[in-house]
Amino acid sequence: MTTAISIEDVRREVKLLKSLSGHQHMVQFHDAFEDDQNVYIVMEYVLTLCEGGELLDRILARGGRYTENDAKSIVIQILSVASFCHLQDDVIFEQNFLFSTRQEDSPLKVIDFGLSDFTRPGKSAYYVAPEVLHRSYNVEADIWSIGVITYILLCGSRPFFARTESGIFRSVLRADPNFSDNPWPSVTPEAKDFVKRLLNKDHRKRMTASQALTHPWLRDEDRAVPLDILIYKLVKAYLRASPLKRAALKALSKALTEDELIYLRAQFNLLEPKDGFVSLDNYRAALVKHSTAAMKESRVLDILDSMKPLTYTRMTFEEFCAATISPHQLEALEGWEMIATTAFEYFELEGNRVISVDALAQEMNVGPSAHSILKDWIRGTDGKLNFVGYAKLLHGLTIRSSNTRHHH
């Protein structure tokens, strides 16, 4: 290790290994030392431990002869690690899953987080998410990779394939996975929906690991749902939102389907509401209960800090739903049109109010150059938002980004 950056990387890695070591699908970390030349990491002996081989190798060797139940058990293990990592909020798990034994039902282990002497180049091109190719990277990229793994488990071939690495990258950015050839016609609709909701090219539309575990394909009343860091991020944004935007989200939350509500109820219950309410204390306590040492130093504390407005208020489940739904994710649903139309009806009843183009521009945080666009969002008849305006309000940033591009 020579450069400051690589030393920093290793320090981060060691911190990670330390904090994640308690998870049943993580390789156990014992200790780390360094001298002038080297860093020594003492871990459970992985060569014998992980004689079962790499996940992708094993799956491809079987040529997709996984039943949906076998596939599920693997995907659940991976998602459980991912949700655990994502709660730490700055953990990206590289695709280094090994089977611990040669048995068919062998449990998986994650052996490293990109201390990348272990990783062989070229292997990971198949997994890379579109936004990573555009140089941005977050926990959603893991979700894409899990989508790739699930696709391969179910059909035995890769969703994006080409002979060269650049060919694969092109396919990731442009091509849609094939769901029509064998064996897809005989795969359950739930499984197909599951994979599509992970392999969405727009990272904002993908399910989180926690949501994926409550998806109809994997749902299991007896399995605890992990706390989802996404609800913290969304609540933080909700607290900063204007009254109009909150009204729009509230209307949207009334139009949710039962599937979405199952996930939201599980998250609300993890906050251990008192008499049906949650306040900042609930959010804090849930994090403490579900987090690791690494998190205590991570960005999560800043998130809690920005949730200060909750200190003196209490949120009902109804308001919690309004605060923790993501319009982007809902847009990816087949029934989105229906949901949006229903939501707009609620918005018309309570929430839609007369607004000037000026006020709307302020609301959307855009300058006068956007006025001509915003005019089309307001009904001539009564000066209130029309359906298009409502949908755009939910999304927020679309104009702002085109606008900033305009200024540069």
Protein backbone atom coordinates (compact mmCIF):
# COMPACT_ATOMS: atom_id res chain seq x y z
CA MET A 1 0.00 0.00 0.00
CA THR A 2 1.66 3.19 -1.09
CA THR A 3 -0.84 5.90 -1.84
CA ALA A 4 -2.87 7.71 0.78
CA ILE A 5 -6.01 6.70 -1.08
CA SER A 6 -5.33 2.98 -0.98
CA ILE A 7 -4.48 3.23 2.72
CA GLU A 8 -7.75 5.06 3.33
CA ASP A 9 -9.57 2.36 1.36
CA VAL A 10 -8.11 -0.37 3.50
CA ARG A 11 -8.95 1.46 6.70
CA ARG A 12 -12.53 1.80 5.52
CA GLU A 13 -12.58 -1.85 4.60
CA VAL A 14 -11.31 -2.92 8.01
CA LYS A 15 -13.89 -0.77 9.74
CA LEU A 16 -16.55 -2.37 7.61
CA LEU A 17 -15.42 -5.91 8.17
CA LYS A 18 -15.34 -5.21 11.87
CA SER A 19 -18.82 -3.80 12.04
CA LEU A 20 -20.49 -6.31 9.75
CA SER A 21 -18.82 -9.32 11.26
CA GLY A 22 -21.82 -10.28 13.34
CA HIS A 23 -24.08 -11.12 10.41
CA GLN A 24 -24.65 -14.81 9.69
CA HIS A 25 -23.84 -14.35 6.01
CA MET A 26 -20.66 -12.40 6.59
CA VAL A 27 -17.27 -13.93 6.97
CA GLN A 28 -16.02 -13.45 10.54
CA PHE A 29 -13.40 -10.81 11.16
CA HIS A 30 -10.97 -11.29 14.06
CA ASP A 31 -8.48 -8.45 14.03
CA ALA A 32 -6.24 -6.20 11.92
CA PHE A 33 -2.67 -5.00 12.36
CA GLU A 34 -0.27 -2.95 10.30
CA ASP A 35 3.48 -2.39 10.06
CA ASP A 36 5.44 -0.07 7.76
CA GLN A 37 4.85 -2.28 4.75
CA ASN A 38 1.65 -4.22 5.17
CA VAL A 39 -1.80 -4.49 6.57
CA TYR A 40 -2.70 -7.85 8.11
CA ILE A 41 -6.31 -8.89 8.38
CA VAL A 42 -7.16 -11.94 10.45
CA MET A 43 -10.35 -13.61 9.28
CA GLU A 44 -12.08 -16.92 9.50
CA TYR A 45 -10.27 -19.30 7.16
CA VAL A 46 -12.19 -18.85 3.94
CA LEU A 47 -10.55 -21.33 1.67
CA THR A 48 -11.96 -24.35 3.40
CA LEU A 49 -14.98 -22.46 4.55
CA CYS A 50 -16.00 -21.41 1.10
CA GLU A 51 -15.17 -24.52 -0.83
CA GLY A 52 -18.63 -24.34 -2.37
CA GLY A 53 -17.40 -21.89 -4.95
CA GLU A 54 -18.53 -18.56 -6.28
CA LEU A 55 -22.20 -17.82 -6.59
CA LEU A 56 -22.17 -16.88 -10.25
CA ASP A 57 -19.99 -19.85 -11.24
CA ARG A 58 -22.29 -22.24 -9.49
CA ILE A 59 -25.44 -20.76 -10.92
CA LEU A 60 -24.14 -20.72 -14.48
CA ALA A 61 -22.81 -24.25 -14.11
CA ARG A 62 -26.31 -25.40 -13.24
CA GLY A 63 -27.66 -23.64 -16.32
CA GLY A 64 -30.61 -22.16 -14.52
CA ARG A 65 -32.03 -25.37 -13.19
CA TYR A 66 -33.09 -23.67 -9.99
CA THR A 67 -36.66 -24.05 -8.90
CA GLU A 68 -38.26 -20.80 -7.86
CA ASN A 69 -38.06 -21.95 -4.23
CA ASP A 70 -34.31 -22.61 -4.45
CA ALA A 71 -33.83 -19.26 -6.16
CA LYS A 72 -35.86 -17.56 -3.44
CA SER A 73 -33.77 -18.96 -0.63
CA ILE A 74 -30.60 -17.60 -2.25
CA VAL A 75 -32.13 -14.21 -3.04
CA ILE A 76 -33.46 -13.86 0.51
CA GLN A 77 -29.99 -14.48 1.94
CA ILE A 78 -28.43 -11.91 -0.36
CA LEU A 79 -31.14 -9.34 0.37
CA SER A 80 -30.74 -9.88 4.08
CA VAL A 81 -27.05 -9.00 3.80
CA ALA A 82 -27.81 -6.07 1.51
CA SER A 83 -30.44 -4.56 3.79
CA PHE A 84 -28.07 -4.94 6.72
CA CYS A 85 -25.30 -3.21 4.78
CA HIS A 86 -27.54 -0.51 3.39
CA LEU A 87 -28.68 0.44 6.85
CA GLN A 88 -25.07 1.48 7.44
CA ASP A 89 -25.78 3.68 4.42
CA ASP A 90 -22.30 3.80 2.99
CA VAL A 91 -21.70 0.16 2.39
CA ILE A 92 -21.69 -1.24 -1.07
CA PHE A 93 -21.28 -4.95 -1.10
CA GLU A 94 -19.26 -6.22 -4.02
CA GLN A 95 -20.41 -9.39 -5.69
CA ASN A 96 -18.27 -11.70 -3.71
CA PHE A 97 -20.61 -14.28 -2.39
CA LEU A 98 -19.28 -17.74 -1.85
CA PHE A 99 -21.16 -20.85 -0.90
CA SER A 100 -19.75 -22.12 2.35
CA THR A 101 -20.10 -25.80 1.48
CA ARG A 102 -20.68 -27.98 -1.54
CA GLN A 103 -24.13 -29.01 -0.32
CA GLU A 104 -27.04 -27.92 -2.47
CA ASP A 105 -28.58 -25.88 0.32
CA SER A 106 -25.30 -24.38 1.41
CA PRO A 107 -25.56 -20.98 3.10
CA LEU A 108 -23.87 -18.06 1.41
CA LYS A 109 -21.06 -15.95 2.82
CA VAL A 110 -19.81 -12.57 1.75
CA ILE A 111 -16.04 -12.75 1.84
CA ASP A 112 -14.84 -9.30 1.01
CA PHE A 113 -15.91 -5.82 0.14
CA GLY A 114 -13.74 -5.03 -2.79
CA LEU A 115 -10.32 -5.32 -1.18
CA SER A 116 -9.87 -6.12 -4.66
CA ASP A 117 -6.90 -8.34 -4.89
CA PHE A 118 -9.46 -11.09 -4.46
CA THR A 119 -11.66 -9.92 -7.27
CA ARG A 120 -10.93 -10.87 -10.80
CA PRO A 121 -11.58 -8.16 -13.40
CA GLY A 122 -14.04 -8.90 -16.17
CA LYS A 123 -16.16 -10.97 -13.87
CA SER A 124 -18.15 -8.04 -12.64
CA ALA A 125 -19.05 -6.44 -15.95
CA TYR A 126 -22.22 -8.52 -15.96
CA TYR A 127 -23.38 -6.99 -12.72
CA VAL A 128 -22.69 -3.34 -13.26
CA ALA A 129 -25.66 -0.97 -12.99
CA PRO A 130 -26.31 1.73 -15.62
CA GLU A 131 -25.64 4.63 -13.26
CA VAL A 132 -22.26 3.18 -12.31
CA LEU A 133 -21.29 3.50 -15.95
CA HIS A 134 -22.25 7.16 -15.60
CA ARG A 135 -20.00 7.36 -12.55
CA SER A 136 -22.52 7.64 -9.80
CA TYR A 137 -22.99 4.90 -7.32
CA ASN A 138 -25.20 4.22 -4.40
CA VAL A 139 -26.94 1.41 -2.60
CA GLU A 140 -29.35 1.11 -5.52
CA ALA A 141 -26.52 -0.26 -7.64
CA ASP A 142 -26.42 -3.28 -5.33
CA ILE A 143 -30.10 -3.81 -5.98
CA TRP A 144 -29.46 -3.91 -9.72
CA SER A 145 -26.77 -6.56 -9.18
CA ILE A 146 -29.18 -8.63 -7.12
CA GLY A 147 -31.63 -8.31 -10.00
CA VAL A 148 -28.98 -9.72 -12.34
CA ILE A 149 -28.35 -12.65 -9.98
CA THR A 150 -32.07 -13.35 -9.64
CA TYR A 151 -32.54 -13.25 -13.41
CA ILE A 152 -29.73 -15.78 -13.87
CA LEU A 153 -31.08 -17.99 -11.08
CA LEU A 154 -34.47 -18.15 -12.74
CA CYS A 155 -33.42 -18.73 -16.34
CA GLY A 156 -29.75 -19.73 -16.38
CA SER A 157 -28.52 -17.00 -18.68
CA ARG A 158 -27.39 -13.42 -18.20
CA PRO A 159 -29.82 -10.55 -18.76
CA PHE A 160 -27.14 -8.46 -20.49
CA PHE A 161 -24.67 -10.34 -22.57
CA ALA A 162 -22.05 -9.53 -25.18
CA ARG A 163 -18.66 -10.86 -26.15
CA THR A 164 -16.72 -7.80 -25.04
CA GLU A 165 -16.82 -5.74 -21.91
CA SER A 166 -17.83 -2.61 -23.81
CA GLY A 167 -20.55 -4.65 -25.49
CA ILE A 168 -21.90 -5.67 -22.11
CA PHE A 169 -21.86 -2.06 -20.95
CA ARG A 170 -23.78 -0.98 -24.05
CA SER A 171 -26.33 -3.69 -23.41
CA VAL A 172 -26.72 -2.63 -19.76
CA LEU A 173 -27.41 0.95 -20.83
CA ARG A 174 -29.72 0.25 -23.76
CA ALA A 175 -31.10 -3.26 -23.90
CA ASP A 176 -34.07 -4.70 -22.04
CA PRO A 177 -33.73 -8.16 -20.54
CA ASN A 178 -35.56 -10.88 -22.39
CA PHE A 179 -38.59 -12.23 -20.53
CA SER A 180 -40.20 -14.07 -23.44
CA ASP A 181 -37.92 -17.03 -24.23
CA ASN A 182 -37.99 -20.27 -22.27
CA PRO A 183 -38.27 -20.77 -19.33
CA TRP A 184 -39.89 -17.35 -18.74
CA PRO A 185 -43.41 -18.34 -19.90
CA SER A 186 -43.53 -20.85 -17.04
CA VAL A 187 -42.06 -18.53 -14.40
CA THR A 188 -44.65 -17.05 -12.01
CA PRO A 189 -45.78 -13.47 -12.69
CA GLU A 190 -44.62 -12.49 -9.18
CA ALA A 191 -41.06 -13.64 -9.89
CA LYS A 192 -40.98 -11.74 -13.19
CA ASP A 193 -42.36 -8.60 -11.56
CA PHE A 194 -39.74 -8.95 -8.83
CA VAL A 195 -36.84 -9.06 -11.30
CA LYS A 196 -38.23 -6.16 -13.35
CA ARG A 197 -38.50 -4.01 -10.25
CA LEU A 198 -34.81 -4.56 -9.51
CA LEU A 199 -33.55 -4.22 -13.08
CA ASN A 200 -35.02 -0.76 -13.64
CA LYS A 201 -32.56 1.45 -15.50
CA ASP A 202 -33.64 4.42 -13.36
CA HIS A 203 -32.08 3.76 -9.96
CA ARG A 204 -34.77 5.78 -8.19
CA LYS A 205 -37.43 3.36 -9.34
CA ARG A 206 -35.85 0.18 -7.97
CA MET A 207 -37.11 -1.46 -4.82
CA THR A 208 -34.84 -1.31 -1.80
CA ALA A 209 -33.54 -4.54 -0.24
CA SER A 210 -36.07 -4.20 2.54
CA GLN A 211 -38.96 -3.64 0.15
CA ALA A 212 -37.83 -6.56 -1.97
CA LEU A 213 -38.16 -8.82 1.08
CA THR A 214 -41.82 -7.79 1.39
CA HIS A 215 -42.53 -8.20 -2.35
CA PRO A 216 -45.27 -10.79 -3.05
CA TRP A 217 -42.70 -13.21 -4.51
CA LEU A 218 -40.71 -13.41 -1.27
CA ARG A 219 -43.24 -12.32 1.31
CA ASP A 220 -43.30 -14.37 4.48
CA GLU A 221 -45.36 -13.37 7.51
CA ASP A 222 -42.92 -15.11 9.86
CA ARG A 223 -39.75 -13.44 8.68
CA ALA A 224 -38.82 -10.16 10.31
CA VAL A 225 -38.61 -7.26 7.87
CA PRO A 226 -35.35 -5.27 8.18
CA LEU A 227 -35.45 -1.57 8.97
CA ASP A 228 -35.09 0.42 5.74
CA ILE A 229 -32.77 3.41 5.63
CA LEU A 230 -34.90 4.77 2.78
CA ILE A 231 -37.71 5.75 5.14
CA TYR A 232 -35.28 8.02 6.98
CA LYS A 233 -34.22 9.72 3.77
CA LEU A 234 -37.80 10.19 2.63
CA VAL A 235 -39.00 11.52 6.00
CA LYS A 236 -36.10 13.97 5.98
CA ALA A 237 -37.21 15.26 2.56
CA TYR A 238 -40.87 15.36 3.64
CA LEU A 239 -40.05 17.53 6.63
CA ARG A 240 -38.45 20.06 4.29
CA ALA A 241 -41.26 19.94 1.75
CA SER A 242 -43.74 22.76 1.32
CA PRO A 243 -47.35 22.37 2.51
CA LEU A 244 -48.54 21.89 -1.08
CA LYS A 245 -46.06 19.10 -1.74
CA ARG A 246 -47.09 17.43 1.51
CA ALA A 247 -50.72 17.63 0.53
CA ALA A 248 -49.83 16.03 -2.81
CA LEU A 249 -47.99 13.18 -1.06
CA LYS A 250 -50.83 12.70 1.39
CA ALA A 251 -53.29 12.30 -1.49
CA LEU A 252 -50.90 9.83 -3.10
CA SER A 253 -50.62 7.79 0.08
CA LYS A 254 -54.41 7.38 0.17
CA ALA A 255 -54.28 5.72 -3.22
CA LEU A 256 -51.72 3.07 -2.26
CA THR A 257 -52.31 -0.58 -2.96
CA GLU A 258 -52.29 -3.22 -0.24
CA ASP A 259 -48.87 -4.44 -1.43
CA GLU A 260 -47.29 -1.08 -0.71
CA LEU A 261 -49.06 -0.82 2.62
CA ILE A 262 -47.68 -4.14 3.85
CA TYR A 263 -44.16 -2.77 3.55
CA LEU A 264 -45.06 0.58 5.11
CA ARG A 265 -46.88 -1.06 8.04
CA ALA A 266 -43.87 -3.25 8.71
CA GLN A 267 -41.57 -0.21 8.72
CA PHE A 268 -43.93 1.76 10.96
CA ASN A 269 -44.06 -1.12 13.44
CA LEU A 270 -40.25 -1.35 13.52
CA LEU A 271 -40.34 2.20 14.88
CA GLU A 272 -42.41 0.79 17.79
CA PRO A 273 -45.10 3.48 17.78
CA LYS A 274 -46.57 4.59 21.10
CA ASP A 275 -50.39 4.77 21.00
CA GLY A 276 -50.20 4.77 17.22
CA PHE A 277 -47.76 7.69 16.95
CA VAL A 278 -44.06 8.01 16.19
CA SER A 279 -41.78 10.93 16.97
CA LEU A 280 -38.06 11.57 16.65
CA ASP A 281 -37.33 9.31 19.63
CA ASN A 282 -38.86 6.36 17.80
CA TYR A 283 -36.66 6.93 14.77
CA ARG A 284 -33.59 7.25 16.94
CA ALA A 285 -34.34 4.18 19.05
CA ALA A 286 -35.02 2.03 15.97
CA LEU A 287 -31.65 2.97 14.48
CA VAL A 288 -29.83 2.20 17.70
CA LYS A 289 -31.58 -1.14 17.95
CA HIS A 290 -30.91 -2.19 14.36
CA SER A 291 -27.53 -0.70 13.66
CA THR A 292 -23.90 -1.58 14.15
CA ALA A 293 -20.88 0.25 15.49
CA ALA A 294 -19.97 1.49 12.01
CA MET A 295 -23.19 3.35 11.77
CA LYS A 296 -22.52 5.41 14.84
CA GLU A 297 -19.93 7.30 12.81
CA SER A 298 -21.77 7.38 9.53
CA ARG A 299 -24.04 9.83 7.77
CA VAL A 300 -27.03 8.42 9.58
CA LEU A 301 -26.45 10.81 12.44
CA ASP A 302 -26.73 13.72 10.01
CA ILE A 303 -30.01 12.30 8.78
CA LEU A 304 -31.37 12.19 12.33
CA ASP A 305 -30.13 15.70 12.82
CA SER A 306 -32.11 16.92 9.84
CA MET A 307 -35.20 15.20 11.29
CA LYS A 308 -35.16 17.57 14.28
CA PRO A 309 -38.54 19.10 13.37
CA LEU A 310 -40.10 15.82 14.53
CA THR A 311 -38.93 16.42 18.09
CA TYR A 312 -42.11 18.16 19.11
CA THR A 313 -44.61 16.49 16.84
CA ARG A 314 -46.10 13.06 16.55
CA MET A 315 -46.75 11.29 13.29
CA THR A 316 -49.74 9.02 12.76
CA PHE A 317 -49.47 6.03 10.43
CA GLU A 318 -51.39 8.05 7.86
CA GLU A 319 -48.83 10.85 7.88
CA PHE A 320 -45.97 8.35 8.03
CA CYS A 321 -47.28 6.88 4.76
CA ALA A 322 -47.38 10.31 3.15
CA ALA A 323 -43.81 10.94 4.32
CA THR A 324 -42.31 7.61 3.25
CA ILE A 325 -43.69 6.93 -0.18
CA SER A 326 -41.51 7.46 -3.18
CA PRO A 327 -43.40 8.65 -6.28
CA HIS A 328 -40.45 7.44 -8.38
CA GLN A 329 -40.81 3.88 -7.14
CA LEU A 330 -44.58 3.91 -7.53
CA GLU A 331 -44.18 5.06 -11.11
CA ALA A 332 -42.53 1.76 -11.90
CA LEU A 333 -45.69 -0.17 -10.94
CA GLU A 334 -47.98 -1.54 -13.63
CA GLY A 335 -50.93 0.11 -11.93
CA TRP A 336 -49.30 3.54 -11.67
CA GLU A 337 -51.85 5.29 -13.93
CA MET A 338 -54.68 4.07 -11.72
CA ILE A 339 -52.88 5.07 -8.52
CA ALA A 340 -52.07 8.55 -9.87
CA THR A 341 -55.62 9.15 -11.11
CA THR A 342 -57.11 8.09 -7.78
CA ALA A 343 -54.55 10.19 -5.91
CA PHE A 344 -55.45 13.25 -7.98
CA GLU A 345 -59.11 12.79 -6.99
CA TYR A 346 -58.11 12.88 -3.31
CA PHE A 347 -55.92 15.89 -4.01
CA GLU A 348 -58.87 17.70 -5.62
CA LEU A 349 -60.95 17.06 -2.49
CA GLU A 350 -58.42 18.37 -0.01
CA GLY A 351 -55.14 19.91 -1.03
CA ASN A 352 -55.58 21.46 -4.44
CA ARG A 353 -55.64 25.23 -4.16
CA VAL A 354 -55.38 28.30 -6.32
CA ILE A 355 -51.75 29.05 -7.12
CA SER A 356 -49.99 31.60 -9.32
CA VAL A 357 -47.21 30.71 -11.74
CA ASP A 358 -44.87 32.75 -9.52
CA ALA A 359 -45.79 30.87 -6.39
CA LEU A 360 -45.50 27.55 -8.19
CA ALA A 361 -42.02 28.46 -9.44
CA GLN A 362 -40.99 29.20 -5.87
CA GLU A 363 -42.62 25.99 -4.74
CA MET A 364 -40.62 24.03 -7.32
CA ASN A 365 -37.48 26.01 -6.60
CA VAL A 366 -37.02 27.17 -10.20
CA GLY A 367 -36.42 30.55 -11.76
CA PRO A 368 -38.50 32.74 -14.11
CA SER A 369 -37.15 30.86 -17.14
CA ALA A 370 -39.46 28.00 -16.22
CA HIS A 371 -42.64 30.09 -16.13
CA SER A 372 -43.68 29.16 -19.64
CA ILE A 373 -43.60 25.46 -18.72
CA LEU A 374 -45.40 25.96 -15.42
CA LYS A 375 -48.33 27.76 -17.09
CA ASP A 376 -49.42 24.42 -18.53
CA TRP A 377 -49.70 22.92 -15.06
CA ILE A 378 -52.37 25.34 -13.89
CA ARG A 379 -56.01 25.10 -14.96
CA GLY A 380 -57.31 28.17 -16.72
CA THR A 381 -60.76 27.68 -15.23
CA ASP A 382 -59.99 27.93 -11.51
CA GLY A 383 -56.24 28.57 -11.20
CA LYS A 384 -55.58 25.25 -9.44
CA LEU A 385 -53.15 22.51 -10.46
CA ASN A 386 -54.27 20.18 -13.23
CA PHE A 387 -53.38 16.47 -13.35
CA VAL A 388 -50.07 17.08 -15.13
CA GLY A 389 -49.17 19.74 -12.58
CA TYR A 390 -50.01 17.37 -9.76
CA ALA A 391 -47.84 14.60 -11.18
CA LYS A 392 -44.94 17.01 -11.77
CA LEU A 393 -45.26 18.43 -8.27
CA LEU A 394 -44.82 14.92 -6.87
CA HIS A 395 -41.61 14.55 -8.80
CA GLY A 396 -40.11 17.81 -7.93
CA LEU A 397 -36.73 17.94 -9.52
CA THR A 398 -37.31 17.32 -13.19
CA ILE A 399 -37.52 20.96 -14.22
CA ARG A 400 -34.79 22.03 -11.88
CA SER A 401 -32.28 19.70 -13.50
CA SER A 402 -33.14 20.78 -17.04
CA ASN A 403 -32.93 24.33 -15.82
CA THR A 404 -29.52 24.05 -14.26
CA ARG A 405 -28.28 22.40 -17.42
CA HIS A 406 -29.65 25.42 -19.24
CA HIS A 407 -27.59 27.80 -17.07
CA HIS A 408 -24.27 26.01 -17.38
